PDB file of all heavy atoms in Angstrom:
ATOM      1  N   ASP A   1     -48.261  62.992 171.900  1.00  0.00           N
ATOM      2  CA  ASP A   1     -47.299  63.094 170.809  1.00  0.00           C
ATOM      3  C   ASP A   1     -45.975  62.473 171.245  1.00  0.00           C
ATOM      4  O   ASP A   1     -45.557  62.614 172.390  1.00  0.00           O
ATOM      5  CB  ASP A   1     -47.087  64.555 170.415  1.00  0.00           C
ATOM      6  CG  ASP A   1     -48.348  65.198 169.855  1.00  0.00           C
ATOM      7  OD1 ASP A   1     -49.278  64.462 169.478  1.00  0.00           O
ATOM      8  OD2 ASP A   1     -48.398  66.441 169.800  1.00  0.00           O
ATOM      9  N   LEU A   2     -45.353  61.798 170.304  1.00  0.00           N
ATOM     10  CA  LEU A   2     -44.099  61.104 170.578  1.00  0.00           C
ATOM     11  C   LEU A   2     -43.136  61.341 169.431  1.00  0.00           C
ATOM     12  O   LEU A   2     -43.458  61.084 168.274  1.00  0.00           O
ATOM     13  CB  LEU A   2     -44.370  59.597 170.738  1.00  0.00           C
ATOM     14  CG  LEU A   2     -43.182  58.678 170.976  1.00  0.00           C
ATOM     15  CD1 LEU A   2     -42.490  59.036 172.291  1.00  0.00           C
ATOM     16  CD2 LEU A   2     -43.629  57.224 170.980  1.00  0.00           C
ATOM     17  N   ASP A   3     -41.973  61.873 169.764  1.00  0.00           N
ATOM     18  CA  ASP A   3     -40.905  62.081 168.784  1.00  0.00           C
ATOM     19  C   ASP A   3     -39.714  61.274 169.293  1.00  0.00           C
ATOM     20  O   ASP A   3     -39.162  61.566 170.353  1.00  0.00           O
ATOM     21  CB  ASP A   3     -40.562  63.570 168.703  1.00  0.00           C
ATOM     22  CG  ASP A   3     -39.611  63.887 167.561  1.00  0.00           C
ATOM     23  OD1 ASP A   3     -39.060  62.953 166.941  1.00  0.00           O
ATOM     24  OD2 ASP A   3     -39.408  65.081 167.296  1.00  0.00           O
ATOM     25  N   LEU A   4     -39.342  60.231 168.553  1.00  0.00           N
ATOM     26  CA  LEU A   4     -38.358  59.268 169.037  1.00  0.00           C
ATOM     27  C   LEU A   4     -37.396  58.852 167.935  1.00  0.00           C
ATOM     28  O   LEU A   4     -37.810  58.504 166.836  1.00  0.00           O
ATOM     29  CB  LEU A   4     -39.086  58.028 169.577  1.00  0.00           C
ATOM     30  CG  LEU A   4     -38.257  56.801 169.914  1.00  0.00           C
ATOM     31  CD1 LEU A   4     -37.327  57.084 171.074  1.00  0.00           C
ATOM     32  CD2 LEU A   4     -39.168  55.627 170.221  1.00  0.00           C
ATOM     33  N   LYS A   5     -36.109  58.905 168.263  1.00  0.00           N
ATOM     34  CA  LYS A   5     -35.061  58.400 167.380  1.00  0.00           C
ATOM     35  C   LYS A   5     -34.128  57.529 168.206  1.00  0.00           C
ATOM     36  O   LYS A   5     -33.623  57.958 169.243  1.00  0.00           O
ATOM     37  CB  LYS A   5     -34.283  59.570 166.766  1.00  0.00           C
ATOM     38  CG  LYS A   5     -33.054  59.170 165.982  1.00  0.00           C
ATOM     39  CD  LYS A   5     -33.389  58.450 164.709  1.00  0.00           C
ATOM     40  CE  LYS A   5     -32.116  58.142 163.925  1.00  0.00           C
ATOM     41  NZ  LYS A   5     -32.284  57.064 163.004  1.00  0.00           N
ATOM     42  N   VAL A   6     -33.956  56.282 167.775  1.00  0.00           N
ATOM     43  CA  VAL A   6     -33.084  55.340 168.475  1.00  0.00           C
ATOM     44  C   VAL A   6     -32.046  54.818 167.485  1.00  0.00           C
ATOM     45  O   VAL A   6     -32.386  54.379 166.392  1.00  0.00           O
ATOM     46  CB  VAL A   6     -33.886  54.138 169.048  1.00  0.00           C
ATOM     47  CG1 VAL A   6     -32.951  53.154 169.729  1.00  0.00           C
ATOM     48  CG2 VAL A   6     -34.967  54.617 169.998  1.00  0.00           C
ATOM     49  N   THR A   7     -30.799  54.866 167.894  1.00  0.00           N
ATOM     50  CA  THR A   7     -29.716  54.248 167.139  1.00  0.00           C
ATOM     51  C   THR A   7     -29.141  53.174 168.047  1.00  0.00           C
ATOM     52  O   THR A   7     -28.624  53.478 169.129  1.00  0.00           O
ATOM     53  CB  THR A   7     -28.633  55.276 166.767  1.00  0.00           C
ATOM     54  OG1 THR A   7     -29.235  56.345 166.050  1.00  0.00           O
ATOM     55  CG2 THR A   7     -27.556  54.628 165.920  1.00  0.00           C
ATOM     56  N   GLY A   8     -29.274  51.923 167.630  1.00  0.00           N
ATOM     57  CA  GLY A   8     -28.833  50.819 168.464  1.00  0.00           C
ATOM     58  C   GLY A   8     -27.913  49.868 167.746  1.00  0.00           C
ATOM     59  O   GLY A   8     -27.591  50.048 166.574  1.00  0.00           O
ATOM     60  N   ASP A   9     -27.535  48.831 168.440  1.00  0.00           N
ATOM     61  CA  ASP A   9     -26.638  47.804 167.892  1.00  0.00           C
ATOM     62  C   ASP A   9     -27.465  46.706 167.202  1.00  0.00           C
ATOM     63  O   ASP A   9     -27.414  45.544 167.586  1.00  0.00           O
ATOM     64  CB  ASP A   9     -25.738  47.235 168.981  1.00  0.00           C
ATOM     65  CG  ASP A   9     -26.502  46.671 170.170  1.00  0.00           C
ATOM     66  OD1 ASP A   9     -27.742  46.817 170.220  1.00  0.00           O
ATOM     67  OD2 ASP A   9     -25.859  46.073 171.049  1.00  0.00           O
ATOM     68  N   LEU A  10     -28.200  47.089 166.180  1.00  0.00           N
ATOM     69  CA  LEU A  10     -29.098  46.160 165.503  1.00  0.00           C
ATOM     70  C   LEU A  10     -28.360  45.050 164.763  1.00  0.00           C
ATOM     71  O   LEU A  10     -28.969  44.037 164.412  1.00  0.00           O
ATOM     72  CB  LEU A  10     -30.026  46.907 164.545  1.00  0.00           C
ATOM     73  CG  LEU A  10     -31.002  47.882 165.221  1.00  0.00           C
ATOM     74  CD1 LEU A  10     -31.857  48.586 164.180  1.00  0.00           C
ATOM     75  CD2 LEU A  10     -31.876  47.164 166.239  1.00  0.00           C
ATOM     76  N   THR A  11     -27.078  45.206 164.547  1.00  0.00           N
ATOM     77  CA  THR A  11     -26.322  44.117 163.925  1.00  0.00           C
ATOM     78  C   THR A  11     -26.208  42.938 164.883  1.00  0.00           C
ATOM     79  O   THR A  11     -26.016  41.805 164.448  1.00  0.00           O
ATOM     80  CB  THR A  11     -24.913  44.569 163.497  1.00  0.00           C
ATOM     81  OG1 THR A  11     -24.243  45.125 164.628  1.00  0.00           O
ATOM     82  CG2 THR A  11     -24.996  45.607 162.393  1.00  0.00           C
ATOM     83  N   VAL A  12     -26.321  43.214 166.189  1.00  0.00           N
ATOM     84  CA  VAL A  12     -26.320  42.147 167.193  1.00  0.00           C
ATOM     85  C   VAL A  12     -27.739  41.582 167.300  1.00  0.00           C
ATOM     86  O   VAL A  12     -27.982  40.417 167.031  1.00  0.00           O
ATOM     87  CB  VAL A  12     -25.824  42.672 168.565  1.00  0.00           C
ATOM     88  CG1 VAL A  12     -25.920  41.592 169.622  1.00  0.00           C
ATOM     89  CG2 VAL A  12     -24.409  43.202 168.444  1.00  0.00           C
ATOM     90  N   ASP A  13     -28.671  42.415 167.725  1.00  0.00           N
ATOM     91  CA  ASP A  13     -30.100  42.099 167.742  1.00  0.00           C
ATOM     92  C   ASP A  13     -30.863  43.341 168.182  1.00  0.00           C
ATOM     93  O   ASP A  13     -30.270  44.399 168.392  1.00  0.00           O
ATOM     94  CB  ASP A  13     -30.434  40.883 168.620  1.00  0.00           C
ATOM     95  CG  ASP A  13     -30.226  41.108 170.105  1.00  0.00           C
ATOM     96  OD1 ASP A  13     -30.066  42.268 170.530  1.00  0.00           O
ATOM     97  OD2 ASP A  13     -30.243  40.115 170.844  1.00  0.00           O
ATOM     98  N   CYS A  14     -32.162  43.249 168.339  1.00  0.00           N
ATOM     99  CA  CYS A  14     -32.987  44.419 168.673  1.00  0.00           C
ATOM    100  C   CYS A  14     -33.230  44.568 170.174  1.00  0.00           C
ATOM    101  O   CYS A  14     -33.859  45.535 170.609  1.00  0.00           O
ATOM    102  CB  CYS A  14     -34.300  44.369 167.914  1.00  0.00           C
ATOM    103  SG  CYS A  14     -35.328  42.936 168.299  1.00  0.00           S
ATOM    104  N   HIS A  15     -32.738  43.640 170.965  1.00  0.00           N
ATOM    105  CA  HIS A  15     -33.017  43.631 172.404  1.00  0.00           C
ATOM    106  C   HIS A  15     -32.680  44.947 173.099  1.00  0.00           C
ATOM    107  O   HIS A  15     -33.498  45.513 173.818  1.00  0.00           O
ATOM    108  CB  HIS A  15     -32.258  42.475 173.068  1.00  0.00           C
ATOM    109  CG  HIS A  15     -32.283  42.517 174.558  1.00  0.00           C
ATOM    110  ND1 HIS A  15     -33.294  41.938 175.293  1.00  0.00           N
ATOM    111  CD2 HIS A  15     -31.438  43.097 175.453  1.00  0.00           C
ATOM    112  CE1 HIS A  15     -33.063  42.153 176.575  1.00  0.00           C
ATOM    113  NE2 HIS A  15     -31.946  42.843 176.702  1.00  0.00           N
ATOM    114  N   HIS A  16     -31.459  45.451 172.914  1.00  0.00           N
ATOM    115  CA  HIS A  16     -31.039  46.668 173.613  1.00  0.00           C
ATOM    116  C   HIS A  16     -31.850  47.877 173.174  1.00  0.00           C
ATOM    117  O   HIS A  16     -32.183  48.735 173.997  1.00  0.00           O
ATOM    118  CB  HIS A  16     -29.544  46.929 173.407  1.00  0.00           C
ATOM    119  CG  HIS A  16     -28.685  45.887 174.033  1.00  0.00           C
ATOM    120  ND1 HIS A  16     -27.746  45.193 173.309  1.00  0.00           N
ATOM    121  CD2 HIS A  16     -28.632  45.405 175.298  1.00  0.00           C
ATOM    122  CE1 HIS A  16     -27.147  44.336 174.108  1.00  0.00           C
ATOM    123  NE2 HIS A  16     -27.664  44.436 175.319  1.00  0.00           N
ATOM    124  N   SER A  17     -32.160  47.959 171.890  1.00  0.00           N
ATOM    125  CA  SER A  17     -32.949  49.092 171.396  1.00  0.00           C
ATOM    126  C   SER A  17     -34.329  49.117 172.033  1.00  0.00           C
ATOM    127  O   SER A  17     -34.815  50.172 172.463  1.00  0.00           O
ATOM    128  CB  SER A  17     -33.082  49.036 169.870  1.00  0.00           C
ATOM    129  OG  SER A  17     -31.823  49.212 169.265  1.00  0.00           O
ATOM    130  N   ILE A  18     -34.978  47.971 172.104  1.00  0.00           N
ATOM    131  CA  ILE A  18     -36.316  47.892 172.697  1.00  0.00           C
ATOM    132  C   ILE A  18     -36.246  48.146 174.203  1.00  0.00           C
ATOM    133  O   ILE A  18     -37.036  48.923 174.754  1.00  0.00           O
ATOM    134  CB  ILE A  18     -36.968  46.538 172.372  1.00  0.00           C
ATOM    135  CG1 ILE A  18     -37.227  46.440 170.864  1.00  0.00           C
ATOM    136  CG2 ILE A  18     -38.262  46.347 173.164  1.00  0.00           C
ATOM    137  CD1 ILE A  18     -37.646  45.070 170.380  1.00  0.00           C
ATOM    138  N   GLU A  19     -35.308  47.512 174.875  1.00  0.00           N
ATOM    139  CA  GLU A  19     -35.158  47.675 176.324  1.00  0.00           C
ATOM    140  C   GLU A  19     -34.898  49.137 176.693  1.00  0.00           C
ATOM    141  O   GLU A  19     -35.556  49.701 177.578  1.00  0.00           O
ATOM    142  CB  GLU A  19     -33.999  46.799 176.808  1.00  0.00           C
ATOM    143  CG  GLU A  19     -33.697  46.926 178.281  1.00  0.00           C
ATOM    144  CD  GLU A  19     -32.502  46.057 178.662  1.00  0.00           C
ATOM    145  OE1 GLU A  19     -31.460  46.099 177.966  1.00  0.00           O
ATOM    146  OE2 GLU A  19     -32.640  45.339 179.661  1.00  0.00           O
ATOM    147  N   ASP A  20     -33.944  49.765 176.027  1.00  0.00           N
ATOM    148  CA  ASP A  20     -33.598  51.146 176.348  1.00  0.00           C
ATOM    149  C   ASP A  20     -34.718  52.113 175.988  1.00  0.00           C
ATOM    150  O   ASP A  20     -34.928  53.109 176.684  1.00  0.00           O
ATOM    151  CB  ASP A  20     -32.297  51.548 175.657  1.00  0.00           C
ATOM    152  CG  ASP A  20     -31.080  50.868 176.264  1.00  0.00           C
ATOM    153  OD1 ASP A  20     -31.245  50.138 177.266  1.00  0.00           O
ATOM    154  OD2 ASP A  20     -29.973  51.065 175.742  1.00  0.00           O
ATOM    155  N   THR A  21     -35.450  51.830 174.921  1.00  0.00           N
ATOM    156  CA  THR A  21     -36.597  52.671 174.576  1.00  0.00           C
ATOM    157  C   THR A  21     -37.635  52.625 175.684  1.00  0.00           C
ATOM    158  O   THR A  21     -38.202  53.660 176.061  1.00  0.00           O
ATOM    159  CB  THR A  21     -37.220  52.231 173.237  1.00  0.00           C
ATOM    160  OG1 THR A  21     -36.243  52.386 172.201  1.00  0.00           O
ATOM    161  CG2 THR A  21     -38.445  53.059 172.896  1.00  0.00           C
ATOM    162  N   GLY A  22     -37.890  51.457 176.244  1.00  0.00           N
ATOM    163  CA  GLY A  22     -38.833  51.333 177.359  1.00  0.00           C
ATOM    164  C   GLY A  22     -38.382  52.125 178.570  1.00  0.00           C
ATOM    165  O   GLY A  22     -39.182  52.807 179.224  1.00  0.00           O
ATOM    166  N   ILE A  23     -37.099  52.067 178.876  1.00  0.00           N
ATOM    167  CA  ILE A  23     -36.550  52.811 180.014  1.00  0.00           C
ATOM    168  C   ILE A  23     -36.691  54.313 179.782  1.00  0.00           C
ATOM    169  O   ILE A  23     -37.158  55.055 180.653  1.00  0.00           O
ATOM    170  CB  ILE A  23     -35.073  52.420 180.255  1.00  0.00           C
ATOM    171  CG1 ILE A  23     -34.982  50.974 180.733  1.00  0.00           C
ATOM    172  CG2 ILE A  23     -34.417  53.377 181.259  1.00  0.00           C
ATOM    173  CD1 ILE A  23     -33.563  50.403 180.720  1.00  0.00           C
ATOM    174  N   VAL A  24     -36.307  54.768 178.592  1.00  0.00           N
ATOM    175  CA  VAL A  24     -36.369  56.199 178.279  1.00  0.00           C
ATOM    176  C   VAL A  24     -37.821  56.676 178.234  1.00  0.00           C
ATOM    177  O   VAL A  24     -38.142  57.755 178.737  1.00  0.00           O
ATOM    178  CB  VAL A  24     -35.628  56.496 176.953  1.00  0.00           C
ATOM    179  CG1 VAL A  24     -35.854  57.922 176.495  1.00  0.00           C
ATOM    180  CG2 VAL A  24     -34.134  56.235 177.122  1.00  0.00           C
ATOM    181  N   LEU A  25     -38.724  55.876 177.673  1.00  0.00           N
ATOM    182  CA  LEU A  25     -40.140  56.249 177.615  1.00  0.00           C
ATOM    183  C   LEU A  25     -40.730  56.359 179.018  1.00  0.00           C
ATOM    184  O   LEU A  25     -41.440  57.316 179.333  1.00  0.00           O
ATOM    185  CB  LEU A  25     -40.933  55.243 176.780  1.00  0.00           C
ATOM    186  CG  LEU A  25     -42.429  55.513 176.630  1.00  0.00           C
ATOM    187  CD1 LEU A  25     -42.684  56.870 175.998  1.00  0.00           C
ATOM    188  CD2 LEU A  25     -43.079  54.413 175.794  1.00  0.00           C
ATOM    189  N   GLY A  26     -40.419  55.405 179.874  1.00  0.00           N
ATOM    190  CA  GLY A  26     -40.900  55.463 181.252  1.00  0.00           C
ATOM    191  C   GLY A  26     -40.401  56.699 181.977  1.00  0.00           C
ATOM    192  O   GLY A  26     -41.157  57.384 182.672  1.00  0.00           O
ATOM    193  N   ASN A  27     -39.121  57.025 181.809  1.00  0.00           N
ATOM    194  CA  ASN A  27     -38.548  58.220 182.435  1.00  0.00           C
ATOM    195  C   ASN A  27     -39.165  59.497 181.873  1.00  0.00           C
ATOM    196  O   ASN A  27     -39.423  60.448 182.613  1.00  0.00           O
ATOM    197  CB  ASN A  27     -37.027  58.245 182.282  1.00  0.00           C
ATOM    198  CG  ASN A  27     -36.333  57.235 183.162  1.00  0.00           C
ATOM    199  OD1 ASN A  27     -36.854  56.837 184.196  1.00  0.00           O
ATOM    200  ND2 ASN A  27     -35.161  56.803 182.752  1.00  0.00           N
ATOM    201  N   ALA A  28     -39.413  59.526 180.564  1.00  0.00           N
ATOM    202  CA  ALA A  28     -40.016  60.707 179.937  1.00  0.00           C
ATOM    203  C   ALA A  28     -41.442  60.919 180.441  1.00  0.00           C
ATOM    204  O   ALA A  28     -41.848  62.052 180.723  1.00  0.00           O
ATOM    205  CB  ALA A  28     -40.005  60.565 178.416  1.00  0.00           C
ATOM    206  N   ILE A  29     -42.202  59.841 180.569  1.00  0.00           N
ATOM    207  CA  ILE A  29     -43.569  59.960 181.087  1.00  0.00           C
ATOM    208  C   ILE A  29     -43.538  60.415 182.541  1.00  0.00           C
ATOM    209  O   ILE A  29     -44.286  61.309 182.943  1.00  0.00           O
ATOM    210  CB  ILE A  29     -44.341  58.638 180.923  1.00  0.00           C
ATOM    211  CG1 ILE A  29     -44.618  58.371 179.444  1.00  0.00           C
ATOM    212  CG2 ILE A  29     -45.648  58.669 181.720  1.00  0.00           C
ATOM    213  CD1 ILE A  29     -45.193  57.001 179.149  1.00  0.00           C
ATOM    214  N   ARG A  30     -42.640  59.849 183.339  1.00  0.00           N
ATOM    215  CA  ARG A  30     -42.524  60.259 184.741  1.00  0.00           C
ATOM    216  C   ARG A  30     -42.216  61.751 184.838  1.00  0.00           C
ATOM    217  O   ARG A  30     -42.804  62.477 185.647  1.00  0.00           O
ATOM    218  CB  ARG A  30     -41.448  59.452 185.456  1.00  0.00           C
ATOM    219  CG  ARG A  30     -41.298  59.878 186.909  1.00  0.00           C
ATOM    220  CD  ARG A  30     -40.287  59.088 187.709  1.00  0.00           C
ATOM    221  NE  ARG A  30     -39.203  58.587 186.891  1.00  0.00           N
ATOM    222  CZ  ARG A  30     -38.558  57.457 187.127  1.00  0.00           C
ATOM    223  NH1 ARG A  30     -38.881  56.708 188.154  1.00  0.00           N
ATOM    224  NH2 ARG A  30     -37.578  57.067 186.355  1.00  0.00           N
ATOM    225  N   LYS A  31     -41.309  62.229 184.004  1.00  0.00           N
ATOM    226  CA  LYS A  31     -40.956  63.653 184.017  1.00  0.00           C
ATOM    227  C   LYS A  31     -42.139  64.507 183.534  1.00  0.00           C
ATOM    228  O   LYS A  31     -42.424  65.554 184.109  1.00  0.00           O
ATOM    229  CB  LYS A  31     -39.730  63.892 183.133  1.00  0.00           C
ATOM    230  CG  LYS A  31     -39.246  65.313 183.140  1.00  0.00           C
ATOM    231  CD  LYS A  31     -37.995  65.474 182.304  1.00  0.00           C
ATOM    232  CE  LYS A  31     -37.546  66.928 182.279  1.00  0.00           C
ATOM    233  NZ  LYS A  31     -36.365  67.111 181.425  1.00  0.00           N
ATOM    234  N   ALA A  32     -42.837  64.044 182.510  1.00  0.00           N
ATOM    235  CA  ALA A  32     -43.944  64.816 181.930  1.00  0.00           C
ATOM    236  C   ALA A  32     -45.135  64.941 182.880  1.00  0.00           C
ATOM    237  O   ALA A  32     -45.816  65.965 182.881  1.00  0.00           O
ATOM    238  CB  ALA A  32     -44.391  64.180 180.611  1.00  0.00           C
ATOM    239  N   VAL A  33     -45.400  63.936 183.706  1.00  0.00           N
ATOM    240  CA  VAL A  33     -46.556  64.005 184.602  1.00  0.00           C
ATOM    241  C   VAL A  33     -46.275  64.840 185.843  1.00  0.00           C
ATOM    242  O   VAL A  33     -47.207  65.229 186.550  1.00  0.00           O
ATOM    243  CB  VAL A  33     -47.091  62.611 185.011  1.00  0.00           C
ATOM    244  CG1 VAL A  33     -47.554  61.839 183.803  1.00  0.00           C
ATOM    245  CG2 VAL A  33     -46.087  61.819 185.808  1.00  0.00           C
ATOM    246  N   GLY A  34     -45.010  65.134 186.117  1.00  0.00           N
ATOM    247  CA  GLY A  34     -44.668  66.008 187.242  1.00  0.00           C
ATOM    248  C   GLY A  34     -45.236  65.504 188.556  1.00  0.00           C
ATOM    249  O   GLY A  34     -45.001  64.368 188.949  1.00  0.00           O
ATOM    250  N   ASP A  35     -46.025  66.347 189.240  1.00  0.00           N
ATOM    251  CA  ASP A  35     -46.590  65.961 190.534  1.00  0.00           C
ATOM    252  C   ASP A  35     -47.858  65.118 190.386  1.00  0.00           C
ATOM    253  O   ASP A  35     -48.499  64.775 191.374  1.00  0.00           O
ATOM    254  CB  ASP A  35     -46.867  67.188 191.401  1.00  0.00           C
ATOM    255  CG  ASP A  35     -47.958  68.085 190.844  1.00  0.00           C
ATOM    256  OD1 ASP A  35     -48.588  67.741 189.823  1.00  0.00           O
ATOM    257  OD2 ASP A  35     -48.178  69.161 191.438  1.00  0.00           O
ATOM    258  N   LYS A  36     -48.242  64.816 189.161  1.00  0.00           N
ATOM    259  CA  LYS A  36     -49.374  63.935 188.825  1.00  0.00           C
ATOM    260  C   LYS A  36     -50.737  64.535 189.159  1.00  0.00           C
ATOM    261  O   LYS A  36     -51.745  63.846 189.118  1.00  0.00           O
ATOM    262  CB  LYS A  36     -49.231  62.560 189.480  1.00  0.00           C
ATOM    263  CG  LYS A  36     -47.954  61.852 189.115  1.00  0.00           C
ATOM    264  CD  LYS A  36     -47.825  60.561 189.878  1.00  0.00           C
ATOM    265  CE  LYS A  36     -46.440  59.994 189.698  1.00  0.00           C
ATOM    266  NZ  LYS A  36     -46.185  58.901 190.595  1.00  0.00           N
ATOM    267  N   ARG A  37     -50.783  65.802 189.487  1.00  0.00           N
ATOM    268  CA  ARG A  37     -52.035  66.470 189.812  1.00  0.00           C
ATOM    269  C   ARG A  37     -52.992  66.398 188.619  1.00  0.00           C
ATOM    270  O   ARG A  37     -52.629  66.716 187.501  1.00  0.00           O
ATOM    271  CB  ARG A  37     -51.777  67.917 190.201  1.00  0.00           C
ATOM    272  CG  ARG A  37     -53.033  68.648 190.639  1.00  0.00           C
ATOM    273  CD  ARG A  37     -52.707  69.915 191.327  1.00  0.00           C
ATOM    274  NE  ARG A  37     -51.993  69.567 192.565  1.00  0.00           N
ATOM    275  CZ  ARG A  37     -51.150  70.375 193.180  1.00  0.00           C
ATOM    276  NH1 ARG A  37     -50.909  71.560 192.703  1.00  0.00           N
ATOM    277  NH2 ARG A  37     -50.548  69.992 194.290  1.00  0.00           N
ATOM    278  N   GLY A  38     -54.205  65.946 188.873  1.00  0.00           N
ATOM    279  CA  GLY A  38     -55.236  65.862 187.837  1.00  0.00           C
ATOM    280  C   GLY A  38     -55.150  64.621 186.963  1.00  0.00           C
ATOM    281  O   GLY A  38     -55.908  64.472 186.022  1.00  0.00           O
ATOM    282  N   ILE A  39     -54.212  63.732 187.267  1.00  0.00           N
ATOM    283  CA  ILE A  39     -54.039  62.516 186.471  1.00  0.00           C
ATOM    284  C   ILE A  39     -54.528  61.322 187.270  1.00  0.00           C
ATOM    285  O   ILE A  39     -54.184  61.165 188.450  1.00  0.00           O
ATOM    286  CB  ILE A  39     -52.557  62.320 186.075  1.00  0.00           C
ATOM    287  CG1 ILE A  39     -52.104  63.483 185.198  1.00  0.00           C
ATOM    288  CG2 ILE A  39     -52.365  60.989 185.358  1.00  0.00           C
ATOM    289  CD1 ILE A  39     -50.637  63.433 184.851  1.00  0.00           C
ATOM    290  N   ARG A  40     -55.316  60.496 186.650  1.00  0.00           N
ATOM    291  CA  ARG A  40     -55.736  59.270 187.313  1.00  0.00           C
ATOM    292  C   ARG A  40     -54.535  58.361 187.492  1.00  0.00           C
ATOM    293  O   ARG A  40     -53.651  58.302 186.652  1.00  0.00           O
ATOM    294  CB  ARG A  40     -56.800  58.557 186.483  1.00  0.00           C
ATOM    295  CG  ARG A  40     -58.075  59.342 186.425  1.00  0.00           C
ATOM    296  CD  ARG A  40     -59.124  58.583 185.701  1.00  0.00           C
ATOM    297  NE  ARG A  40     -60.353  59.369 185.706  1.00  0.00           N
ATOM    298  CZ  ARG A  40     -61.405  59.048 185.017  1.00  0.00           C
ATOM    299  NH1 ARG A  40     -61.409  57.972 184.274  1.00  0.00           N
ATOM    300  NH2 ARG A  40     -62.483  59.802 185.069  1.00  0.00           N
ATOM    301  N   ARG A  41     -54.537  57.622 188.596  1.00  0.00           N
ATOM    302  CA  ARG A  41     -53.371  56.823 188.947  1.00  0.00           C
ATOM    303  C   ARG A  41     -53.092  55.699 187.953  1.00  0.00           C
ATOM    304  O   ARG A  41     -51.950  55.400 187.631  1.00  0.00           O
ATOM    305  CB  ARG A  41     -53.569  56.235 190.345  1.00  0.00           C
ATOM    306  CG  ARG A  41     -52.403  55.387 190.752  1.00  0.00           C
ATOM    307  CD  ARG A  41     -52.620  54.738 192.057  1.00  0.00           C
ATOM    308  NE  ARG A  41     -51.890  53.478 192.005  1.00  0.00           N
ATOM    309  CZ  ARG A  41     -51.982  52.555 192.901  1.00  0.00           C
ATOM    310  NH1 ARG A  41     -52.771  52.694 193.914  1.00  0.00           N
ATOM    311  NH2 ARG A  41     -51.295  51.449 192.780  1.00  0.00           N
TER     312      ARG A  41
END
């Protein structure tokens, strides 16, 4: 499940919104997997 809201500088372009979403998603997954026990690498 994914609940995501991004407010970005879309008047400039979408680059920052996409880039920051990737960073936040990666950090959220890292936090959610914890010690990674029981998860395939």
